[in-house]
Amino acid sequence: MTTTTTPHPAEVKAPAPEATQGEVVVRPDSAPVIAERPKKRRRTFLERAEAFISKLSTRNNFWHRVCSLIWLPYAFKSGIKMAKGDPGQFSYVLPFRRFNRNWYNAMAGAALLANSEVAGGMYIFKRAGKDYTVVCKELNYQFLRPCFGPAVYKVVPSSELDGLIEAGGEFNAEITLNIFQPPAKPSEREKRVGRCKAVFHVTPKVHHKERKAAGRKTAVR
């Protein structure tokens, strides 16, 4: 004959609660336990220097020119720069210099197209910040009329960009730029010479480092 003993309800012990990050958990049979927060990795000197230079390049036109001379020589030769205007507007000016003109003294189509990528990248980089890399994936330029003077790139602000940046992951940003020729006289109106739609792939620099570290681990195995 087998006898089965059922424990009293008071004798059944509930499982001890688990601690989450930053919480204090008191167990009946032990002292309070404080869950430790993961320590944030300290950035190296090169990482801090890279972030500083990236932020410096969007501060004003002087530092933009200095950084372009080293890392983006085409933008340095073309002379594209940030235009002064209202804080909410993003405009960039391509000067009417010999480097940007063609044989019949108009702004070259290649210059208008190439600097559309530069202007769009400057806008995305200024909005996203120093902790992101920006690469152009697609560029569609529509030539409307010849440009016989400086070209002004006016970016149509993207309402979705802030939400994509706050998410903290990789994303594709699609922007539109309208290209104008400013009036030569006060009585004239500006002329739209082109319209460009571009798609940029934006990646946090942390993701690049994580992939590089994962690749090293795979190679060791």
N, C-alpha and C. Protein backbone atom coordinates (compact mmCIF):
# COMPACT_ATOMS: atom_id res chain seq x y z
N MET A 1 0.85 -1.20 0.00
CA MET A 1 0.00 0.00 0.00
C MET A 1 0.88 1.24 0.00
N THR A 2 0.61 2.17 -0.95
CA THR A 2 1.43 3.38 -1.09
C THR A 2 0.66 4.57 -0.57
N THR A 3 1.33 5.35 0.25
CA THR A 3 0.71 6.54 0.84
C THR A 3 1.31 7.78 0.20
N THR A 4 0.48 8.65 -0.30
CA THR A 4 0.94 9.90 -0.93
C THR A 4 0.62 11.06 0.00
N THR A 5 1.65 11.84 0.29
CA THR A 5 1.49 12.98 1.19
C THR A 5 1.43 14.26 0.38
N THR A 6 0.39 15.01 0.55
CA THR A 6 0.23 16.30 -0.16
C THR A 6 0.70 17.42 0.75
N PRO A 7 1.63 18.24 0.28
CA PRO A 7 2.12 19.32 1.15
C PRO A 7 1.04 20.35 1.43
N HIS A 8 1.16 20.93 2.58
CA HIS A 8 0.22 21.97 2.99
C HIS A 8 0.42 23.20 2.09
N PRO A 9 -0.64 23.91 1.76
CA PRO A 9 -0.48 25.08 0.89
C PRO A 9 0.51 26.10 1.41
N ALA A 10 0.64 26.21 2.72
CA ALA A 10 1.57 27.19 3.27
C ALA A 10 3.01 26.79 3.06
N GLU A 11 3.25 25.46 2.82
CA GLU A 11 4.63 24.99 2.67
C GLU A 11 5.14 25.14 1.25
N VAL A 12 4.26 25.41 0.29
CA VAL A 12 4.69 25.55 -1.10
C VAL A 12 5.32 26.92 -1.28
N LYS A 13 6.57 26.94 -1.76
CA LYS A 13 7.30 28.19 -1.93
C LYS A 13 7.14 28.70 -3.36
N ALA A 14 6.85 29.96 -3.48
CA ALA A 14 6.75 30.58 -4.81
C ALA A 14 8.14 30.80 -5.37
N PRO A 15 8.31 30.72 -6.68
CA PRO A 15 9.63 30.95 -7.26
C PRO A 15 10.10 32.37 -7.00
N ALA A 16 11.40 32.47 -6.76
CA ALA A 16 11.97 33.78 -6.46
C ALA A 16 11.90 34.67 -7.68
N PRO A 17 11.54 35.91 -7.49
CA PRO A 17 11.45 36.82 -8.64
C PRO A 17 12.83 37.08 -9.22
N GLU A 18 12.85 37.29 -10.54
CA GLU A 18 14.11 37.58 -11.20
C GLU A 18 14.32 39.08 -11.27
N ALA A 19 15.58 39.46 -11.19
CA ALA A 19 15.92 40.88 -11.20
C ALA A 19 16.11 41.35 -12.62
N THR A 20 15.59 42.51 -12.90
CA THR A 20 15.84 43.16 -14.18
C THR A 20 16.84 44.27 -13.96
N GLN A 21 17.28 44.87 -15.04
CA GLN A 21 18.33 45.87 -14.95
C GLN A 21 17.89 47.05 -14.09
N GLY A 22 18.70 47.38 -13.11
CA GLY A 22 18.45 48.54 -12.28
C GLY A 22 17.42 48.35 -11.20
N GLU A 23 16.80 47.15 -11.03
CA GLU A 23 15.78 46.92 -10.02
C GLU A 23 16.39 46.24 -8.79
N VAL A 24 15.77 46.51 -7.64
CA VAL A 24 16.18 45.88 -6.39
C VAL A 24 15.18 44.80 -6.05
N VAL A 25 15.64 43.58 -5.89
CA VAL A 25 14.78 42.44 -5.59
C VAL A 25 15.15 41.90 -4.21
N VAL A 26 14.15 41.74 -3.34
CA VAL A 26 14.37 41.22 -1.99
C VAL A 26 13.82 39.80 -1.93
N ARG A 27 14.69 38.84 -1.71
CA ARG A 27 14.28 37.45 -1.57
C ARG A 27 14.13 37.14 -0.08
N PRO A 28 13.18 36.30 0.27
CA PRO A 28 12.96 36.00 1.69
C PRO A 28 14.14 35.29 2.35
N ASP A 29 14.93 34.56 1.57
CA ASP A 29 16.01 33.78 2.17
C ASP A 29 17.39 34.37 1.90
N SER A 30 17.46 35.60 1.38
CA SER A 30 18.77 36.19 1.11
C SER A 30 18.68 37.70 1.20
N ALA A 31 19.84 38.35 1.05
CA ALA A 31 19.91 39.79 1.10
C ALA A 31 19.41 40.39 -0.21
N PRO A 32 19.08 41.68 -0.22
CA PRO A 32 18.62 42.32 -1.45
C PRO A 32 19.66 42.20 -2.56
N VAL A 33 19.18 41.98 -3.78
CA VAL A 33 20.06 41.82 -4.94
C VAL A 33 19.79 42.97 -5.89
N ILE A 34 20.84 43.66 -6.30
CA ILE A 34 20.74 44.78 -7.23
C ILE A 34 21.29 44.33 -8.58
N ALA A 35 20.44 44.38 -9.58
CA ALA A 35 20.88 43.98 -10.92
C ALA A 35 21.78 45.06 -11.51
N GLU A 36 22.93 44.68 -12.00
CA GLU A 36 23.88 45.63 -12.54
C GLU A 36 23.51 46.01 -13.97
N ARG A 37 23.68 47.29 -14.28
CA ARG A 37 23.45 47.76 -15.64
C ARG A 37 24.67 47.46 -16.50
N PRO A 38 24.46 47.11 -17.77
CA PRO A 38 25.61 46.87 -18.63
C PRO A 38 26.41 48.15 -18.84
N LYS A 39 27.71 48.05 -18.76
CA LYS A 39 28.57 49.21 -18.91
C LYS A 39 28.67 49.60 -20.38
N LYS A 40 28.56 50.90 -20.63
CA LYS A 40 28.66 51.40 -21.99
C LYS A 40 30.12 51.41 -22.42
N ARG A 41 30.37 50.90 -23.63
CA ARG A 41 31.73 50.81 -24.11
C ARG A 41 32.30 52.20 -24.36
N ARG A 42 33.50 52.41 -23.86
CA ARG A 42 34.16 53.69 -24.05
C ARG A 42 34.71 53.76 -25.47
N ARG A 43 34.43 54.85 -26.16
CA ARG A 43 34.88 54.99 -27.53
C ARG A 43 36.38 55.26 -27.58
N THR A 44 37.01 54.76 -28.62
CA THR A 44 38.44 54.95 -28.79
C THR A 44 38.72 56.38 -29.24
N PHE A 45 40.01 56.73 -29.24
CA PHE A 45 40.40 58.07 -29.66
C PHE A 45 40.03 58.32 -31.12
N LEU A 46 40.24 57.33 -31.98
CA LEU A 46 39.91 57.49 -33.39
C LEU A 46 38.41 57.66 -33.59
N GLU A 47 37.59 56.95 -32.82
CA GLU A 47 36.14 57.09 -32.93
C GLU A 47 35.69 58.48 -32.49
N ARG A 48 36.28 58.98 -31.40
CA ARG A 48 35.94 60.33 -30.94
C ARG A 48 36.38 61.39 -31.94
N ALA A 49 37.57 61.19 -32.52
CA ALA A 49 38.07 62.14 -33.52
C ALA A 49 37.20 62.14 -34.77
N GLU A 50 36.77 60.95 -35.19
CA GLU A 50 35.90 60.85 -36.37
C GLU A 50 34.57 61.54 -36.13
N ALA A 51 33.99 61.35 -34.95
CA ALA A 51 32.72 62.00 -34.62
C ALA A 51 32.87 63.52 -34.57
N PHE A 52 34.00 63.98 -34.03
CA PHE A 52 34.24 65.43 -33.93
C PHE A 52 34.36 66.06 -35.31
N ILE A 53 35.12 65.40 -36.20
CA ILE A 53 35.30 65.94 -37.55
C ILE A 53 33.99 65.90 -38.33
N SER A 54 33.21 64.83 -38.15
CA SER A 54 31.92 64.73 -38.83
C SER A 54 30.98 65.86 -38.42
N LYS A 55 30.96 66.17 -37.14
CA LYS A 55 30.11 67.26 -36.66
C LYS A 55 30.65 68.60 -37.13
N LEU A 56 31.97 68.72 -37.19
CA LEU A 56 32.60 69.98 -37.60
C LEU A 56 32.31 70.30 -39.06
N SER A 57 32.19 69.26 -39.89
CA SER A 57 32.00 69.48 -41.33
C SER A 57 30.65 70.11 -41.66
N THR A 58 29.68 70.01 -40.77
CA THR A 58 28.36 70.60 -41.01
C THR A 58 28.13 71.88 -40.21
N ARG A 59 29.16 72.37 -39.54
CA ARG A 59 28.98 73.56 -38.70
C ARG A 59 28.83 74.82 -39.55
N ASN A 60 29.75 75.05 -40.48
CA ASN A 60 29.69 76.22 -41.35
C ASN A 60 30.44 75.92 -42.65
N ASN A 61 30.42 76.89 -43.55
CA ASN A 61 31.02 76.67 -44.87
C ASN A 61 32.54 76.58 -44.81
N PHE A 62 33.16 77.26 -43.86
CA PHE A 62 34.63 77.19 -43.77
C PHE A 62 35.09 75.78 -43.47
N TRP A 63 34.51 75.15 -42.44
CA TRP A 63 34.92 73.79 -42.09
C TRP A 63 34.43 72.78 -43.12
N HIS A 64 33.32 73.09 -43.78
CA HIS A 64 32.88 72.22 -44.87
C HIS A 64 33.90 72.21 -46.00
N ARG A 65 34.46 73.37 -46.32
CA ARG A 65 35.48 73.45 -47.36
C ARG A 65 36.75 72.71 -46.95
N VAL A 66 37.15 72.87 -45.71
CA VAL A 66 38.37 72.21 -45.24
C VAL A 66 38.21 70.69 -45.30
N CYS A 67 37.09 70.18 -44.81
CA CYS A 67 36.86 68.73 -44.83
C CYS A 67 36.69 68.21 -46.26
N SER A 68 36.07 69.01 -47.13
CA SER A 68 35.90 68.59 -48.52
C SER A 68 37.24 68.50 -49.24
N LEU A 69 38.15 69.39 -48.90
CA LEU A 69 39.48 69.35 -49.52
C LEU A 69 40.18 68.02 -49.28
N ILE A 70 39.92 67.40 -48.13
CA ILE A 70 40.60 66.16 -47.77
C ILE A 70 39.79 64.94 -48.19
N TRP A 71 38.49 64.92 -47.88
CA TRP A 71 37.69 63.70 -48.06
C TRP A 71 36.74 63.75 -49.27
N LEU A 72 36.44 64.92 -49.78
CA LEU A 72 35.51 65.03 -50.90
C LEU A 72 36.02 66.08 -51.89
N PRO A 73 37.09 65.76 -52.63
CA PRO A 73 37.73 66.77 -53.49
C PRO A 73 36.81 67.32 -54.58
N TYR A 74 35.87 66.50 -55.08
CA TYR A 74 34.98 67.03 -56.12
C TYR A 74 34.13 68.17 -55.58
N ALA A 75 33.58 68.00 -54.37
CA ALA A 75 32.78 69.07 -53.77
C ALA A 75 33.63 70.31 -53.51
N PHE A 76 34.91 70.11 -53.21
CA PHE A 76 35.81 71.25 -52.99
C PHE A 76 36.02 72.01 -54.30
N LYS A 77 36.22 71.28 -55.41
CA LYS A 77 36.46 71.94 -56.69
C LYS A 77 35.19 72.59 -57.24
N SER A 78 34.06 71.94 -57.04
CA SER A 78 32.81 72.52 -57.54
C SER A 78 32.40 73.75 -56.74
N GLY A 79 32.77 73.79 -55.46
CA GLY A 79 32.49 74.96 -54.64
C GLY A 79 31.11 75.00 -54.03
N ILE A 80 30.38 73.89 -54.02
CA ILE A 80 29.04 73.89 -53.43
C ILE A 80 29.13 74.20 -51.94
N LYS A 81 28.18 74.99 -51.45
CA LYS A 81 28.21 75.41 -50.06
C LYS A 81 26.80 75.60 -49.55
N MET A 82 26.69 75.67 -48.23
CA MET A 82 25.39 75.90 -47.60
C MET A 82 24.96 77.35 -47.78
N ALA A 83 23.69 77.55 -48.09
CA ALA A 83 23.16 78.90 -48.30
C ALA A 83 22.60 79.44 -46.99
N LYS A 84 22.71 80.73 -46.81
CA LYS A 84 22.16 81.38 -45.63
C LYS A 84 20.67 81.63 -45.86
N GLY A 85 19.88 81.27 -44.89
CA GLY A 85 18.43 81.44 -45.01
C GLY A 85 17.75 81.18 -43.69
N ASP A 86 16.47 80.90 -43.76
CA ASP A 86 15.70 80.61 -42.55
C ASP A 86 16.18 79.30 -41.93
N PRO A 87 16.10 79.17 -40.59
CA PRO A 87 16.57 77.93 -39.94
C PRO A 87 15.87 76.68 -40.43
N GLY A 88 14.60 76.78 -40.81
CA GLY A 88 13.86 75.60 -41.25
C GLY A 88 14.08 75.22 -42.70
N GLN A 89 14.83 76.04 -43.45
CA GLN A 89 15.07 75.76 -44.86
C GLN A 89 16.48 75.22 -45.05
N PHE A 90 16.62 74.32 -46.01
CA PHE A 90 17.91 73.72 -46.31
C PHE A 90 18.20 73.97 -47.79
N SER A 91 19.13 74.89 -48.05
CA SER A 91 19.49 75.26 -49.42
C SER A 91 21.00 75.23 -49.57
N TYR A 92 21.43 74.89 -50.79
CA TYR A 92 22.85 74.79 -51.09
C TYR A 92 23.10 75.44 -52.45
N VAL A 93 24.19 76.18 -52.56
CA VAL A 93 24.48 76.98 -53.75
C VAL A 93 25.68 76.39 -54.48
N LEU A 94 25.50 76.18 -55.79
CA LEU A 94 26.59 75.74 -56.65
C LEU A 94 27.01 76.95 -57.49
N PRO A 95 28.23 77.47 -57.29
CA PRO A 95 28.65 78.68 -58.00
C PRO A 95 28.84 78.44 -59.50
N PHE A 96 28.68 79.51 -60.26
CA PHE A 96 28.80 79.45 -61.72
C PHE A 96 30.27 79.70 -62.08
N ARG A 97 31.11 78.73 -61.80
CA ARG A 97 32.53 78.85 -62.08
C ARG A 97 32.92 77.97 -63.27
N ARG A 98 34.13 78.17 -63.76
CA ARG A 98 34.57 77.48 -64.97
C ARG A 98 34.54 75.96 -64.80
N PHE A 99 34.84 75.47 -63.63
CA PHE A 99 34.87 74.03 -63.39
C PHE A 99 33.50 73.40 -63.60
N ASN A 100 32.43 74.17 -63.39
CA ASN A 100 31.07 73.63 -63.49
C ASN A 100 30.38 73.94 -64.82
N ARG A 101 31.03 74.69 -65.72
CA ARG A 101 30.39 75.09 -66.96
C ARG A 101 30.81 74.18 -68.12
N ASN A 102 29.97 74.16 -69.15
CA ASN A 102 30.30 73.41 -70.36
C ASN A 102 30.80 74.35 -71.45
N TRP A 103 30.92 73.82 -72.67
CA TRP A 103 31.56 74.60 -73.75
C TRP A 103 30.72 75.77 -74.23
N TYR A 104 29.38 75.75 -74.06
CA TYR A 104 28.56 76.89 -74.49
C TYR A 104 28.15 77.77 -73.30
N ASN A 105 28.96 77.74 -72.26
CA ASN A 105 28.87 78.67 -71.13
C ASN A 105 27.56 78.53 -70.33
N ALA A 106 27.09 77.31 -70.19
CA ALA A 106 25.95 77.01 -69.32
C ALA A 106 26.43 76.02 -68.26
N MET A 107 25.65 75.91 -67.20
CA MET A 107 26.01 74.94 -66.16
C MET A 107 25.94 73.53 -66.74
N ALA A 108 27.02 72.79 -66.59
CA ALA A 108 27.08 71.44 -67.16
C ALA A 108 26.07 70.52 -66.48
N GLY A 109 25.46 69.65 -67.29
CA GLY A 109 24.50 68.71 -66.73
C GLY A 109 25.14 67.76 -65.74
N ALA A 110 26.39 67.36 -66.00
CA ALA A 110 27.08 66.46 -65.07
C ALA A 110 27.30 67.14 -63.72
N ALA A 111 27.58 68.45 -63.75
CA ALA A 111 27.78 69.19 -62.50
C ALA A 111 26.47 69.29 -61.72
N LEU A 112 25.37 69.56 -62.42
CA LEU A 112 24.07 69.64 -61.74
C LEU A 112 23.68 68.30 -61.14
N LEU A 113 23.94 67.23 -61.87
CA LEU A 113 23.58 65.89 -61.39
C LEU A 113 24.44 65.48 -60.20
N ALA A 114 25.76 65.62 -60.35
CA ALA A 114 26.67 65.17 -59.29
C ALA A 114 26.47 65.95 -58.00
N ASN A 115 26.27 67.25 -58.12
CA ASN A 115 26.10 68.06 -56.92
C ASN A 115 24.73 67.88 -56.29
N SER A 116 23.78 67.28 -57.01
CA SER A 116 22.52 66.90 -56.38
C SER A 116 22.76 65.85 -55.30
N GLU A 117 23.64 64.91 -55.61
CA GLU A 117 24.00 63.90 -54.60
C GLU A 117 24.71 64.54 -53.42
N VAL A 118 25.62 65.49 -53.70
CA VAL A 118 26.35 66.15 -52.62
C VAL A 118 25.39 66.95 -51.74
N ALA A 119 24.49 67.72 -52.36
CA ALA A 119 23.55 68.53 -51.59
C ALA A 119 22.61 67.66 -50.77
N GLY A 120 22.08 66.59 -51.38
CA GLY A 120 21.20 65.69 -50.63
C GLY A 120 21.92 64.99 -49.49
N GLY A 121 23.16 64.57 -49.74
CA GLY A 121 23.94 63.93 -48.68
C GLY A 121 24.25 64.88 -47.54
N MET A 122 24.53 66.14 -47.86
CA MET A 122 24.79 67.14 -46.81
C MET A 122 23.54 67.34 -45.95
N TYR A 123 22.38 67.36 -46.59
CA TYR A 123 21.13 67.53 -45.84
C TYR A 123 20.88 66.34 -44.91
N ILE A 124 20.99 65.12 -45.44
CA ILE A 124 20.75 63.93 -44.62
C ILE A 124 21.76 63.85 -43.49
N PHE A 125 23.02 64.12 -43.79
CA PHE A 125 24.07 64.03 -42.78
C PHE A 125 23.87 65.07 -41.68
N LYS A 126 23.42 66.25 -42.05
CA LYS A 126 23.17 67.29 -41.04
C LYS A 126 22.00 66.92 -40.15
N ARG A 127 20.97 66.29 -40.71
CA ARG A 127 19.81 65.89 -39.92
C ARG A 127 20.11 64.66 -39.06
N ALA A 128 20.80 63.68 -39.62
CA ALA A 128 21.05 62.43 -38.90
C ALA A 128 22.10 62.60 -37.82
N GLY A 129 23.17 63.33 -38.11
CA GLY A 129 24.20 63.54 -37.11
C GLY A 129 25.47 62.76 -37.38
N LYS A 130 26.41 62.94 -36.49
CA LYS A 130 27.76 62.41 -36.67
C LYS A 130 27.86 60.91 -36.49
N ASP A 131 26.86 60.26 -35.95
CA ASP A 131 26.94 58.82 -35.66
C ASP A 131 26.37 57.96 -36.79
N TYR A 132 26.19 58.53 -37.97
CA TYR A 132 25.63 57.78 -39.10
C TYR A 132 26.51 57.93 -40.34
N THR A 133 26.45 56.92 -41.20
CA THR A 133 27.05 57.02 -42.53
C THR A 133 25.93 57.13 -43.55
N VAL A 134 26.17 57.91 -44.58
CA VAL A 134 25.15 58.20 -45.60
C VAL A 134 25.70 57.81 -46.97
N VAL A 135 24.97 56.95 -47.68
CA VAL A 135 25.38 56.48 -49.01
C VAL A 135 24.20 56.64 -49.96
N CYS A 136 24.45 57.21 -51.13
CA CYS A 136 23.40 57.39 -52.13
C CYS A 136 23.15 56.08 -52.86
N LYS A 137 21.89 55.65 -52.90
CA LYS A 137 21.51 54.41 -53.58
C LYS A 137 20.89 54.65 -54.95
N GLU A 138 20.14 55.73 -55.06
CA GLU A 138 19.42 55.99 -56.31
C GLU A 138 19.31 57.49 -56.52
N LEU A 139 19.49 57.91 -57.78
CA LEU A 139 19.44 59.34 -58.10
C LEU A 139 18.71 59.51 -59.43
N ASN A 140 17.66 60.32 -59.42
CA ASN A 140 16.87 60.56 -60.63
C ASN A 140 16.74 62.06 -60.83
N TYR A 141 17.40 62.57 -61.88
CA TYR A 141 17.42 64.01 -62.14
C TYR A 141 16.63 64.31 -63.41
N GLN A 142 15.77 65.31 -63.33
CA GLN A 142 14.98 65.74 -64.48
C GLN A 142 15.44 67.14 -64.90
N PHE A 143 16.01 67.25 -66.09
CA PHE A 143 16.47 68.53 -66.61
C PHE A 143 15.28 69.28 -67.22
N LEU A 144 15.01 70.47 -66.73
CA LEU A 144 13.86 71.24 -67.19
C LEU A 144 14.25 72.34 -68.17
N ARG A 145 15.39 73.01 -67.92
CA ARG A 145 15.86 74.07 -68.82
C ARG A 145 17.34 74.33 -68.54
N PRO A 146 18.05 74.97 -69.47
CA PRO A 146 19.47 75.27 -69.22
C PRO A 146 19.64 76.26 -68.06
N CYS A 147 20.76 76.14 -67.40
CA CYS A 147 21.07 77.02 -66.27
C CYS A 147 22.26 77.90 -66.66
N PHE A 148 22.03 79.22 -66.75
CA PHE A 148 23.08 80.16 -67.14
C PHE A 148 23.49 81.03 -65.96
N GLY A 149 23.64 80.43 -64.82
CA GLY A 149 24.06 81.13 -63.62
C GLY A 149 24.23 80.15 -62.48
N PRO A 150 24.40 80.65 -61.26
CA PRO A 150 24.52 79.73 -60.11
C PRO A 150 23.26 78.88 -59.95
N ALA A 151 23.44 77.71 -59.39
CA ALA A 151 22.31 76.80 -59.14
C ALA A 151 22.07 76.70 -57.64
N VAL A 152 20.82 76.84 -57.25
CA VAL A 152 20.44 76.76 -55.83
C VAL A 152 19.62 75.49 -55.63
N TYR A 153 20.13 74.60 -54.79
CA TYR A 153 19.43 73.35 -54.47
C TYR A 153 18.59 73.57 -53.22
N LYS A 154 17.28 73.44 -53.35
CA LYS A 154 16.37 73.59 -52.22
C LYS A 154 15.77 72.23 -51.88
N VAL A 155 16.05 71.77 -50.68
CA VAL A 155 15.59 70.45 -50.25
C VAL A 155 14.18 70.57 -49.69
N VAL A 156 13.30 69.68 -50.14
CA VAL A 156 11.96 69.59 -49.56
C VAL A 156 12.07 68.78 -48.27
N PRO A 157 11.85 69.39 -47.09
CA PRO A 157 12.04 68.67 -45.82
C PRO A 157 11.19 67.42 -45.74
N SER A 158 11.78 66.36 -45.22
CA SER A 158 11.08 65.08 -45.07
C SER A 158 10.51 64.98 -43.66
N SER A 159 9.20 64.75 -43.55
CA SER A 159 8.55 64.64 -42.25
C SER A 159 8.82 63.29 -41.59
N GLU A 160 9.21 62.28 -42.36
CA GLU A 160 9.42 60.94 -41.82
C GLU A 160 10.84 60.75 -41.30
N LEU A 161 11.74 61.68 -41.60
CA LEU A 161 13.15 61.47 -41.28
C LEU A 161 13.40 61.42 -39.78
N ASP A 162 12.73 62.29 -39.01
CA ASP A 162 12.94 62.31 -37.56
C ASP A 162 12.55 60.98 -36.92
N GLY A 163 11.43 60.41 -37.34
CA GLY A 163 11.00 59.13 -36.79
C GLY A 163 11.95 58.01 -37.14
N LEU A 164 12.49 58.02 -38.35
CA LEU A 164 13.45 56.99 -38.76
C LEU A 164 14.74 57.09 -37.96
N ILE A 165 15.17 58.31 -37.68
CA ILE A 165 16.40 58.50 -36.91
C ILE A 165 16.20 58.06 -35.47
N GLU A 166 15.05 58.38 -34.88
CA GLU A 166 14.77 58.00 -33.49
C GLU A 166 14.69 56.48 -33.32
N ALA A 167 14.30 55.76 -34.38
CA ALA A 167 14.24 54.30 -34.29
C ALA A 167 15.61 53.68 -34.08
N GLY A 168 16.66 54.34 -34.53
CA GLY A 168 18.02 53.90 -34.26
C GLY A 168 18.56 52.81 -35.16
N GLY A 169 17.84 52.41 -36.18
CA GLY A 169 18.32 51.35 -37.07
C GLY A 169 18.69 51.88 -38.44
N GLU A 170 18.96 50.95 -39.36
CA GLU A 170 19.23 51.32 -40.74
C GLU A 170 17.92 51.69 -41.44
N PHE A 171 18.01 52.61 -42.38
CA PHE A 171 16.80 52.99 -43.11
C PHE A 171 17.19 53.66 -44.42
N ASN A 172 16.22 53.70 -45.32
CA ASN A 172 16.36 54.42 -46.59
C ASN A 172 15.58 55.72 -46.50
N ALA A 173 16.24 56.81 -46.84
CA ALA A 173 15.61 58.13 -46.80
C ALA A 173 15.45 58.65 -48.22
N GLU A 174 14.21 58.94 -48.60
CA GLU A 174 13.93 59.49 -49.93
C GLU A 174 13.65 60.97 -49.82
N ILE A 175 14.38 61.77 -50.59
CA ILE A 175 14.22 63.22 -50.52
C ILE A 175 14.04 63.78 -51.93
N THR A 176 13.52 64.99 -51.99
CA THR A 176 13.31 65.70 -53.25
C THR A 176 14.02 67.03 -53.19
N LEU A 177 14.72 67.36 -54.26
CA LEU A 177 15.41 68.64 -54.37
C LEU A 177 14.91 69.38 -55.61
N ASN A 178 14.60 70.66 -55.43
CA ASN A 178 14.27 71.53 -56.55
C ASN A 178 15.46 72.44 -56.81
N ILE A 179 15.88 72.50 -58.07
CA ILE A 179 17.07 73.28 -58.44
C ILE A 179 16.62 74.53 -59.18
N PHE A 180 17.08 75.69 -58.70
CA PHE A 180 16.68 76.97 -59.27
C PHE A 180 17.89 77.77 -59.72
N GLN A 181 17.66 78.62 -60.71
CA GLN A 181 18.63 79.64 -61.09
C GLN A 181 18.15 80.97 -60.51
N PRO A 182 18.91 81.59 -59.61
CA PRO A 182 18.44 82.84 -58.99
C PRO A 182 18.33 83.96 -60.01
N PRO A 183 17.46 84.94 -59.77
CA PRO A 183 17.28 86.04 -60.73
C PRO A 183 18.52 86.93 -60.80
N ALA A 184 18.84 87.38 -62.01
CA ALA A 184 19.98 88.28 -62.20
C ALA A 184 19.61 89.72 -61.85
N LYS A 185 18.32 90.05 -61.95
CA LYS A 185 17.85 91.40 -61.64
C LYS A 185 16.71 91.31 -60.63
N PRO A 186 16.50 92.36 -59.84
CA PRO A 186 15.40 92.33 -58.86
C PRO A 186 14.02 92.15 -59.49
N SER A 187 13.87 92.58 -60.75
CA SER A 187 12.57 92.48 -61.41
C SER A 187 12.28 91.07 -61.92
N GLU A 188 13.28 90.22 -61.99
CA GLU A 188 13.12 88.87 -62.52
C GLU A 188 12.73 87.89 -61.41
N ARG A 189 12.25 86.74 -61.84
CA ARG A 189 11.91 85.67 -60.91
C ARG A 189 12.90 84.53 -61.06
N GLU A 190 13.04 83.75 -60.00
CA GLU A 190 13.93 82.60 -60.10
C GLU A 190 13.32 81.55 -61.04
N LYS A 191 14.19 80.84 -61.73
CA LYS A 191 13.75 79.84 -62.70
C LYS A 191 14.13 78.45 -62.20
N ARG A 192 13.17 77.55 -62.25
CA ARG A 192 13.48 76.17 -61.86
C ARG A 192 14.09 75.47 -63.06
N VAL A 193 15.32 75.00 -62.87
CA VAL A 193 16.06 74.37 -63.97
C VAL A 193 16.08 72.85 -63.86
N GLY A 194 15.70 72.32 -62.72
CA GLY A 194 15.74 70.87 -62.57
C GLY A 194 15.02 70.41 -61.32
N ARG A 195 14.79 69.12 -61.27
CA ARG A 195 14.14 68.48 -60.12
C ARG A 195 14.80 67.13 -59.92
N CYS A 196 15.12 66.82 -58.69
CA CYS A 196 15.86 65.59 -58.41
C CYS A 196 15.19 64.83 -57.26
N LYS A 197 15.12 63.52 -57.44
CA LYS A 197 14.67 62.63 -56.38
C LYS A 197 15.80 61.65 -56.07
N ALA A 198 16.13 61.54 -54.81
CA ALA A 198 17.27 60.71 -54.40
C ALA A 198 16.88 59.82 -53.23
N VAL A 199 17.51 58.66 -53.17
CA VAL A 199 17.33 57.71 -52.07
C VAL A 199 18.69 57.48 -51.44
N PHE A 200 18.79 57.72 -50.14
CA PHE A 200 20.03 57.53 -49.40
C PHE A 200 19.85 56.42 -48.37
N HIS A 201 20.87 55.58 -48.26
CA HIS A 201 20.86 54.53 -47.23
C HIS A 201 21.66 55.04 -46.04
N VAL A 202 21.02 55.09 -44.89
CA VAL A 202 21.62 55.64 -43.68
C VAL A 202 21.84 54.50 -42.68
N THR A 203 23.07 54.38 -42.20
CA THR A 203 23.43 53.29 -41.30
C THR A 203 24.15 53.84 -40.07
N PRO A 204 23.76 53.43 -38.86
CA PRO A 204 24.52 53.82 -37.67
C PRO A 204 25.94 53.25 -37.74
N LYS A 205 26.91 54.04 -37.33
CA LYS A 205 28.30 53.57 -37.35
C LYS A 205 28.50 52.38 -36.43
N VAL A 206 27.67 52.27 -35.40
CA VAL A 206 27.78 51.13 -34.48
C VAL A 206 27.52 49.82 -35.22
N HIS A 207 26.61 49.84 -36.19
CA HIS A 207 26.30 48.62 -36.94
C HIS A 207 27.50 48.16 -37.75
N HIS A 208 28.25 49.10 -38.31
CA HIS A 208 29.45 48.73 -39.06
C HIS A 208 30.46 48.03 -38.16
N LYS A 209 30.62 48.56 -36.95
CA LYS A 209 31.59 47.97 -36.02
C LYS A 209 31.13 46.58 -35.57
N GLU A 210 29.83 46.42 -35.34
CA GLU A 210 29.32 45.11 -34.93
C GLU A 210 29.50 44.07 -36.03
N ARG A 211 29.25 44.45 -37.27
CA ARG A 211 29.44 43.51 -38.38
C ARG A 211 30.91 43.16 -38.56
N LYS A 212 31.76 44.14 -38.37
CA LYS A 212 33.19 43.88 -38.50
C LYS A 212 33.67 42.93 -37.42
N ALA A 213 33.18 43.13 -36.18
CA ALA A 213 33.56 42.24 -35.09
C ALA A 213 33.01 40.84 -35.31
N ALA A 214 31.77 40.73 -35.83
CA ALA A 214 31.19 39.42 -36.10
C ALA A 214 31.96 38.70 -37.20
N GLY A 215 32.43 39.44 -38.19
CA GLY A 215 33.23 38.83 -39.25
C GLY A 215 34.55 38.30 -38.75
N ARG A 216 35.15 39.00 -37.79
CA ARG A 216 36.41 38.52 -37.21
C ARG A 216 36.19 37.23 -36.43
N LYS A 217 35.08 37.16 -35.68
CA LYS A 217 34.80 35.94 -34.92
C LYS A 217 34.57 34.76 -35.85
N THR A 218 33.87 35.00 -36.96
CA THR A 218 33.62 33.92 -37.92
C THR A 218 34.92 33.45 -38.55
N ALA A 219 35.82 34.38 -38.83
CA ALA A 219 37.10 34.01 -39.44
C ALA A 219 37.95 33.18 -38.49
N VAL A 220 37.88 33.50 -37.19
CA VAL A 220 38.66 32.75 -36.19
C VAL A 220 38.15 31.32 -36.08
N ARG A 221 36.84 31.13 -36.16
CA ARG A 221 36.27 29.79 -36.07
C ARG A 221 36.66 28.95 -37.28
